[in-house]
Amino acid sequence: MDGSIIILFAAVIIIAVLLFAVITLTKKGTTVLDVDKYRSKWLAIEQSLVRDNEPSYHMAIINGDKLLDHALQARGFKGQTMGDRMKFAKETWSNRNAVWSSHKLRNQIAHESDIRVDYDQARRALAGFKQGLKDLGAI
């Protein structure tokens, strides 16, 4: 009897661990986002972009990148950096190049003091972030 109880106990533990692993692995991407909240924030970012005001281009791009990263985190994509989370979300993107180009431009703005961004570049970057947000179901 003692041997069968130990085997039964071990089987229950193994099943519990496997069930936990399945739930954890399939949880990613199932979180429903608050679309109204994201849409409101997105509209504010778009409205902050002012022609002939280069600092507004930089801020809009930085804020668009932040909003996309928040959506990635809220949807459960793992990674220490936004780049890591974007890699885990690679199958989500309908236009991978646009999302990555937008993020790369944000990184240039954040790390290069002499970066010049024109209005059209800023619009393209925002379009990439917007598509990424749509792909995630945020807007």
N, C-alpha and C. Protein backbone atom coordinates (compact mmCIF):
# COMPACT_ATOMS: atom_id res chain seq x y z
N MET A 1 0.82 -1.19 0.00
CA MET A 1 0.00 0.00 0.00
C MET A 1 0.86 1.25 0.00
N ASP A 2 1.92 1.28 0.81
CA ASP A 2 2.76 2.46 0.90
C ASP A 2 3.38 2.81 -0.45
N GLY A 3 3.82 1.81 -1.19
CA GLY A 3 4.42 2.05 -2.50
C GLY A 3 3.43 2.63 -3.49
N SER A 4 2.18 2.16 -3.47
CA SER A 4 1.18 2.68 -4.40
C SER A 4 0.77 4.10 -4.05
N ILE A 5 0.79 4.44 -2.78
CA ILE A 5 0.47 5.82 -2.37
C ILE A 5 1.56 6.77 -2.84
N ILE A 6 2.79 6.35 -2.72
CA ILE A 6 3.91 7.19 -3.18
C ILE A 6 3.84 7.38 -4.69
N ILE A 7 3.55 6.33 -5.43
CA ILE A 7 3.43 6.42 -6.88
C ILE A 7 2.27 7.33 -7.26
N LEU A 8 1.15 7.18 -6.58
CA LEU A 8 -0.01 8.03 -6.84
C LEU A 8 0.31 9.49 -6.54
N PHE A 9 0.98 9.74 -5.43
CA PHE A 9 1.36 11.11 -5.05
C PHE A 9 2.30 11.70 -6.09
N ALA A 10 3.29 10.93 -6.55
CA ALA A 10 4.24 11.39 -7.56
C ALA A 10 3.51 11.69 -8.88
N ALA A 11 2.56 10.84 -9.24
CA ALA A 11 1.80 11.06 -10.47
C ALA A 11 0.98 12.35 -10.39
N VAL A 12 0.37 12.60 -9.26
CA VAL A 12 -0.41 13.83 -9.07
C VAL A 12 0.50 15.05 -9.19
N ILE A 13 1.67 15.00 -8.57
CA ILE A 13 2.63 16.11 -8.64
C ILE A 13 3.07 16.34 -10.09
N ILE A 14 3.39 15.29 -10.81
CA ILE A 14 3.83 15.41 -12.20
C ILE A 14 2.72 16.01 -13.05
N ILE A 15 1.50 15.55 -12.88
CA ILE A 15 0.37 16.09 -13.65
C ILE A 15 0.16 17.56 -13.32
N ALA A 16 0.27 17.93 -12.06
CA ALA A 16 0.10 19.33 -11.66
C ALA A 16 1.16 20.21 -12.29
N VAL A 17 2.41 19.75 -12.30
CA VAL A 17 3.49 20.53 -12.90
C VAL A 17 3.27 20.68 -14.41
N LEU A 18 2.88 19.61 -15.08
CA LEU A 18 2.61 19.67 -16.51
C LEU A 18 1.44 20.61 -16.82
N LEU A 19 0.40 20.54 -16.03
CA LEU A 19 -0.75 21.42 -16.22
C LEU A 19 -0.35 22.87 -16.03
N PHE A 20 0.43 23.16 -15.02
CA PHE A 20 0.92 24.52 -14.78
C PHE A 20 1.75 25.00 -15.97
N ALA A 21 2.62 24.16 -16.50
CA ALA A 21 3.45 24.53 -17.65
C ALA A 21 2.60 24.83 -18.88
N VAL A 22 1.61 24.01 -19.14
CA VAL A 22 0.72 24.22 -20.29
C VAL A 22 -0.03 25.55 -20.14
N ILE A 23 -0.55 25.81 -18.98
CA ILE A 23 -1.29 27.05 -18.75
C ILE A 23 -0.36 28.25 -18.92
N THR A 24 0.83 28.19 -18.38
CA THR A 24 1.78 29.28 -18.48
C THR A 24 2.20 29.53 -19.92
N LEU A 25 2.46 28.49 -20.66
CA LEU A 25 2.92 28.65 -22.04
C LEU A 25 1.82 29.13 -22.98
N THR A 26 0.58 28.76 -22.72
CA THR A 26 -0.50 29.17 -23.61
C THR A 26 -1.14 30.48 -23.20
N LYS A 27 -0.76 31.02 -22.04
CA LYS A 27 -1.34 32.26 -21.54
C LYS A 27 -0.94 33.46 -22.39
N LYS A 28 0.27 33.47 -22.92
CA LYS A 28 0.78 34.60 -23.70
C LYS A 28 -0.16 34.96 -24.83
N GLY A 29 -0.45 36.24 -24.96
CA GLY A 29 -1.24 36.72 -26.07
C GLY A 29 -2.73 36.59 -25.90
N THR A 30 -3.20 36.11 -24.76
CA THR A 30 -4.64 35.95 -24.60
C THR A 30 -5.27 37.12 -23.83
N THR A 31 -4.46 37.99 -23.26
CA THR A 31 -4.97 39.11 -22.49
C THR A 31 -5.67 40.09 -23.42
N VAL A 32 -6.87 40.48 -23.04
CA VAL A 32 -7.61 41.47 -23.80
C VAL A 32 -7.22 42.85 -23.27
N LEU A 33 -6.85 43.74 -24.16
CA LEU A 33 -6.41 45.08 -23.77
C LEU A 33 -7.59 46.04 -23.72
N ASP A 34 -7.44 47.08 -22.94
CA ASP A 34 -8.44 48.15 -22.83
C ASP A 34 -8.29 49.05 -24.06
N VAL A 35 -9.04 48.76 -25.10
CA VAL A 35 -8.91 49.45 -26.39
C VAL A 35 -9.17 50.95 -26.24
N ASP A 36 -10.16 51.33 -25.45
CA ASP A 36 -10.45 52.75 -25.28
C ASP A 36 -9.26 53.50 -24.67
N LYS A 37 -8.63 52.90 -23.69
CA LYS A 37 -7.46 53.52 -23.05
C LYS A 37 -6.33 53.69 -24.06
N TYR A 38 -6.04 52.63 -24.80
CA TYR A 38 -4.95 52.70 -25.78
C TYR A 38 -5.29 53.66 -26.92
N ARG A 39 -6.53 53.65 -27.37
CA ARG A 39 -6.93 54.55 -28.45
C ARG A 39 -6.80 56.00 -28.02
N SER A 40 -7.21 56.31 -26.79
CA SER A 40 -7.10 57.67 -26.26
C SER A 40 -5.64 58.11 -26.20
N LYS A 41 -4.79 57.24 -25.68
CA LYS A 41 -3.37 57.57 -25.60
C LYS A 41 -2.76 57.72 -26.98
N TRP A 42 -3.19 56.86 -27.91
CA TRP A 42 -2.65 56.94 -29.27
C TRP A 42 -3.05 58.25 -29.94
N LEU A 43 -4.29 58.66 -29.79
CA LEU A 43 -4.73 59.92 -30.39
C LEU A 43 -3.95 61.09 -29.82
N ALA A 44 -3.66 61.08 -28.54
CA ALA A 44 -2.86 62.15 -27.93
C ALA A 44 -1.45 62.18 -28.53
N ILE A 45 -0.88 61.00 -28.79
CA ILE A 45 0.45 60.94 -29.40
C ILE A 45 0.40 61.51 -30.82
N GLU A 46 -0.59 61.10 -31.59
CA GLU A 46 -0.70 61.63 -32.96
C GLU A 46 -0.89 63.14 -32.97
N GLN A 47 -1.69 63.64 -32.04
CA GLN A 47 -1.94 65.08 -31.98
C GLN A 47 -0.74 65.86 -31.48
N SER A 48 0.19 65.20 -30.80
CA SER A 48 1.38 65.88 -30.29
C SER A 48 2.40 66.16 -31.39
N LEU A 49 2.24 65.50 -32.53
CA LEU A 49 3.15 65.69 -33.66
C LEU A 49 2.77 66.97 -34.39
N VAL A 50 3.66 67.95 -34.34
CA VAL A 50 3.38 69.27 -34.92
C VAL A 50 4.40 69.54 -36.03
N ARG A 51 3.88 69.82 -37.23
CA ARG A 51 4.77 70.12 -38.37
C ARG A 51 5.66 71.32 -38.03
N ASP A 52 6.91 71.27 -38.50
CA ASP A 52 7.91 72.32 -38.27
C ASP A 52 8.29 72.47 -36.80
N ASN A 53 8.13 71.40 -36.02
CA ASN A 53 8.52 71.41 -34.62
C ASN A 53 9.23 70.08 -34.33
N GLU A 54 10.54 70.05 -34.66
CA GLU A 54 11.29 68.79 -34.57
C GLU A 54 11.25 68.14 -33.18
N PRO A 55 11.31 68.90 -32.09
CA PRO A 55 11.19 68.23 -30.78
C PRO A 55 9.87 67.46 -30.64
N SER A 56 8.81 67.93 -31.27
CA SER A 56 7.54 67.19 -31.20
C SER A 56 7.65 65.87 -31.94
N TYR A 57 8.48 65.80 -32.98
CA TYR A 57 8.67 64.56 -33.72
C TYR A 57 9.32 63.53 -32.79
N HIS A 58 10.36 63.98 -32.10
CA HIS A 58 11.09 63.09 -31.20
C HIS A 58 10.17 62.58 -30.09
N MET A 59 9.43 63.46 -29.47
CA MET A 59 8.57 63.05 -28.36
C MET A 59 7.46 62.11 -28.83
N ALA A 60 6.88 62.39 -29.98
CA ALA A 60 5.82 61.52 -30.49
C ALA A 60 6.36 60.11 -30.75
N ILE A 61 7.55 60.03 -31.32
CA ILE A 61 8.15 58.72 -31.61
C ILE A 61 8.47 57.99 -30.30
N ILE A 62 9.05 58.68 -29.36
CA ILE A 62 9.38 58.05 -28.06
C ILE A 62 8.11 57.57 -27.37
N ASN A 63 7.07 58.39 -27.38
CA ASN A 63 5.82 58.01 -26.72
C ASN A 63 5.10 56.89 -27.46
N GLY A 64 5.17 56.87 -28.78
CA GLY A 64 4.59 55.77 -29.55
C GLY A 64 5.27 54.45 -29.23
N ASP A 65 6.58 54.51 -29.11
CA ASP A 65 7.37 53.32 -28.76
C ASP A 65 6.99 52.83 -27.37
N LYS A 66 6.86 53.76 -26.42
CA LYS A 66 6.47 53.38 -25.05
C LYS A 66 5.10 52.72 -25.02
N LEU A 67 4.16 53.28 -25.77
CA LEU A 67 2.81 52.73 -25.77
C LEU A 67 2.81 51.32 -26.36
N LEU A 68 3.56 51.12 -27.43
CA LEU A 68 3.65 49.79 -28.01
C LEU A 68 4.28 48.81 -27.01
N ASP A 69 5.31 49.26 -26.30
CA ASP A 69 5.94 48.39 -25.31
C ASP A 69 4.97 48.05 -24.18
N HIS A 70 4.19 49.01 -23.73
CA HIS A 70 3.18 48.72 -22.69
C HIS A 70 2.19 47.66 -23.19
N ALA A 71 1.79 47.78 -24.44
CA ALA A 71 0.84 46.81 -25.00
C ALA A 71 1.49 45.42 -25.08
N LEU A 72 2.75 45.36 -25.47
CA LEU A 72 3.46 44.08 -25.51
C LEU A 72 3.50 43.44 -24.13
N GLN A 73 3.82 44.25 -23.13
CA GLN A 73 3.89 43.73 -21.76
C GLN A 73 2.51 43.29 -21.28
N ALA A 74 1.50 44.10 -21.57
CA ALA A 74 0.14 43.76 -21.14
C ALA A 74 -0.36 42.49 -21.80
N ARG A 75 0.06 42.24 -23.01
CA ARG A 75 -0.33 41.01 -23.70
C ARG A 75 0.47 39.80 -23.24
N GLY A 76 1.46 40.02 -22.38
CA GLY A 76 2.20 38.91 -21.77
C GLY A 76 3.44 38.48 -22.51
N PHE A 77 3.93 39.29 -23.45
CA PHE A 77 5.17 38.92 -24.14
C PHE A 77 6.34 39.12 -23.19
N LYS A 78 7.18 38.12 -23.09
CA LYS A 78 8.30 38.12 -22.16
C LYS A 78 9.53 38.75 -22.80
N GLY A 79 10.45 39.15 -21.95
CA GLY A 79 11.72 39.71 -22.40
C GLY A 79 12.14 40.84 -21.50
N GLN A 80 13.45 41.03 -21.39
CA GLN A 80 13.97 42.09 -20.54
C GLN A 80 13.90 43.44 -21.22
N THR A 81 13.94 43.45 -22.54
CA THR A 81 13.90 44.72 -23.28
C THR A 81 12.72 44.68 -24.26
N MET A 82 12.41 45.85 -24.78
CA MET A 82 11.34 45.90 -25.77
C MET A 82 11.73 45.08 -27.01
N GLY A 83 13.00 45.15 -27.39
CA GLY A 83 13.46 44.36 -28.52
C GLY A 83 13.21 42.87 -28.32
N ASP A 84 13.47 42.39 -27.12
CA ASP A 84 13.20 40.98 -26.80
C ASP A 84 11.71 40.68 -26.94
N ARG A 85 10.87 41.56 -26.40
CA ARG A 85 9.43 41.34 -26.48
C ARG A 85 8.95 41.38 -27.93
N MET A 86 9.54 42.27 -28.73
CA MET A 86 9.18 42.34 -30.15
C MET A 86 9.56 41.06 -30.88
N LYS A 87 10.68 40.47 -30.49
CA LYS A 87 11.10 39.20 -31.11
C LYS A 87 10.11 38.09 -30.77
N PHE A 88 9.65 38.05 -29.51
CA PHE A 88 8.66 37.04 -29.12
C PHE A 88 7.33 37.27 -29.84
N ALA A 89 7.06 38.50 -30.22
CA ALA A 89 5.80 38.84 -30.89
C ALA A 89 5.92 38.80 -32.41
N LYS A 90 7.03 38.30 -32.94
CA LYS A 90 7.30 38.41 -34.37
C LYS A 90 6.19 37.84 -35.26
N GLU A 91 5.49 36.83 -34.80
CA GLU A 91 4.41 36.26 -35.59
C GLU A 91 3.15 37.13 -35.55
N THR A 92 3.13 38.08 -34.66
CA THR A 92 1.98 38.97 -34.49
C THR A 92 1.98 40.09 -35.54
N TRP A 93 3.17 40.52 -35.94
CA TRP A 93 3.29 41.70 -36.81
C TRP A 93 2.86 41.42 -38.24
N SER A 94 1.98 42.26 -38.74
CA SER A 94 1.59 42.17 -40.15
C SER A 94 2.63 42.84 -41.05
N ASN A 95 3.37 43.81 -40.48
CA ASN A 95 4.44 44.48 -41.21
C ASN A 95 5.64 44.61 -40.26
N ARG A 96 6.36 43.53 -40.15
CA ARG A 96 7.49 43.44 -39.22
C ARG A 96 8.51 44.56 -39.44
N ASN A 97 8.80 44.85 -40.72
CA ASN A 97 9.81 45.87 -41.02
C ASN A 97 9.40 47.25 -40.53
N ALA A 98 8.13 47.59 -40.67
CA ALA A 98 7.67 48.91 -40.24
C ALA A 98 7.78 49.06 -38.73
N VAL A 99 7.40 48.03 -37.99
CA VAL A 99 7.47 48.09 -36.53
C VAL A 99 8.93 48.20 -36.08
N TRP A 100 9.79 47.38 -36.66
CA TRP A 100 11.20 47.42 -36.28
C TRP A 100 11.86 48.73 -36.68
N SER A 101 11.54 49.26 -37.85
CA SER A 101 12.12 50.54 -38.28
C SER A 101 11.73 51.66 -37.33
N SER A 102 10.48 51.64 -36.89
CA SER A 102 10.01 52.64 -35.95
C SER A 102 10.78 52.54 -34.63
N HIS A 103 10.93 51.32 -34.14
CA HIS A 103 11.65 51.12 -32.88
C HIS A 103 13.12 51.52 -33.02
N LYS A 104 13.74 51.19 -34.15
CA LYS A 104 15.14 51.56 -34.37
C LYS A 104 15.31 53.08 -34.40
N LEU A 105 14.36 53.78 -35.02
CA LEU A 105 14.42 55.25 -35.04
C LEU A 105 14.32 55.79 -33.62
N ARG A 106 13.44 55.21 -32.82
CA ARG A 106 13.33 55.62 -31.41
C ARG A 106 14.65 55.43 -30.70
N ASN A 107 15.32 54.31 -30.96
CA ASN A 107 16.62 54.06 -30.32
C ASN A 107 17.66 55.08 -30.76
N GLN A 108 17.63 55.47 -32.02
CA GLN A 108 18.56 56.50 -32.49
C GLN A 108 18.30 57.82 -31.77
N ILE A 109 17.04 58.17 -31.63
CA ILE A 109 16.68 59.41 -30.94
C ILE A 109 17.18 59.37 -29.49
N ALA A 110 17.01 58.23 -28.85
CA ALA A 110 17.39 58.10 -27.45
C ALA A 110 18.91 58.06 -27.24
N HIS A 111 19.66 57.57 -28.22
CA HIS A 111 21.09 57.32 -28.00
C HIS A 111 22.04 58.16 -28.83
N GLU A 112 21.55 58.86 -29.83
CA GLU A 112 22.43 59.67 -30.66
C GLU A 112 22.04 61.14 -30.52
N SER A 113 22.96 61.95 -30.07
CA SER A 113 22.64 63.35 -29.81
C SER A 113 22.45 64.18 -31.08
N ASP A 114 23.00 63.75 -32.18
CA ASP A 114 22.94 64.55 -33.40
C ASP A 114 21.91 64.04 -34.42
N ILE A 115 20.98 63.21 -34.00
CA ILE A 115 19.98 62.65 -34.93
C ILE A 115 19.01 63.74 -35.39
N ARG A 116 18.75 63.76 -36.68
CA ARG A 116 17.79 64.70 -37.26
C ARG A 116 16.64 63.88 -37.83
N VAL A 117 15.44 64.23 -37.45
CA VAL A 117 14.25 63.54 -37.92
C VAL A 117 13.37 64.56 -38.60
N ASP A 118 12.90 64.24 -39.82
CA ASP A 118 11.98 65.17 -40.46
C ASP A 118 10.53 64.70 -40.24
N TYR A 119 9.62 65.54 -40.63
CA TYR A 119 8.19 65.28 -40.38
C TYR A 119 7.74 63.96 -41.03
N ASP A 120 8.18 63.71 -42.25
CA ASP A 120 7.76 62.49 -42.95
C ASP A 120 8.30 61.24 -42.26
N GLN A 121 9.53 61.29 -41.76
CA GLN A 121 10.08 60.15 -41.01
C GLN A 121 9.26 59.91 -39.75
N ALA A 122 8.90 60.98 -39.09
CA ALA A 122 8.10 60.85 -37.87
C ALA A 122 6.74 60.23 -38.18
N ARG A 123 6.11 60.66 -39.26
CA ARG A 123 4.81 60.09 -39.66
C ARG A 123 4.93 58.61 -39.96
N ARG A 124 6.00 58.23 -40.69
CA ARG A 124 6.21 56.81 -41.01
C ARG A 124 6.43 55.99 -39.73
N ALA A 125 7.21 56.54 -38.81
CA ALA A 125 7.46 55.84 -37.55
C ALA A 125 6.15 55.66 -36.78
N LEU A 126 5.34 56.70 -36.72
CA LEU A 126 4.06 56.58 -36.03
C LEU A 126 3.15 55.57 -36.72
N ALA A 127 3.21 55.53 -38.05
CA ALA A 127 2.40 54.54 -38.78
C ALA A 127 2.84 53.13 -38.42
N GLY A 128 4.14 52.91 -38.25
CA GLY A 128 4.64 51.60 -37.84
C GLY A 128 4.16 51.23 -36.45
N PHE A 129 4.23 52.17 -35.51
CA PHE A 129 3.74 51.90 -34.16
C PHE A 129 2.24 51.64 -34.16
N LYS A 130 1.51 52.42 -34.95
CA LYS A 130 0.06 52.25 -35.02
C LYS A 130 -0.30 50.87 -35.52
N GLN A 131 0.39 50.41 -36.56
CA GLN A 131 0.10 49.08 -37.08
C GLN A 131 0.43 48.01 -36.05
N GLY A 132 1.54 48.20 -35.33
CA GLY A 132 1.89 47.27 -34.27
C GLY A 132 0.83 47.22 -33.19
N LEU A 133 0.30 48.37 -32.81
CA LEU A 133 -0.77 48.43 -31.80
C LEU A 133 -2.04 47.74 -32.32
N LYS A 134 -2.33 47.93 -33.59
CA LYS A 134 -3.49 47.24 -34.18
C LYS A 134 -3.28 45.73 -34.17
N ASP A 135 -2.08 45.31 -34.54
CA ASP A 135 -1.77 43.88 -34.57
C ASP A 135 -1.92 43.24 -33.20
N LEU A 136 -1.63 44.00 -32.16
CA LEU A 136 -1.75 43.49 -30.78
C LEU A 136 -3.17 43.57 -30.24
N GLY A 137 -4.05 44.24 -31.00
CA GLY A 137 -5.44 44.40 -30.53
C GLY A 137 -5.60 45.53 -29.54
N ALA A 138 -4.63 46.46 -29.51
CA ALA A 138 -4.68 47.56 -28.56
C ALA A 138 -5.55 48.71 -29.08
N ILE A 139 -5.56 48.90 -30.39
CA ILE A 139 -6.39 49.98 -30.97
C ILE A 139 -7.16 49.43 -32.17
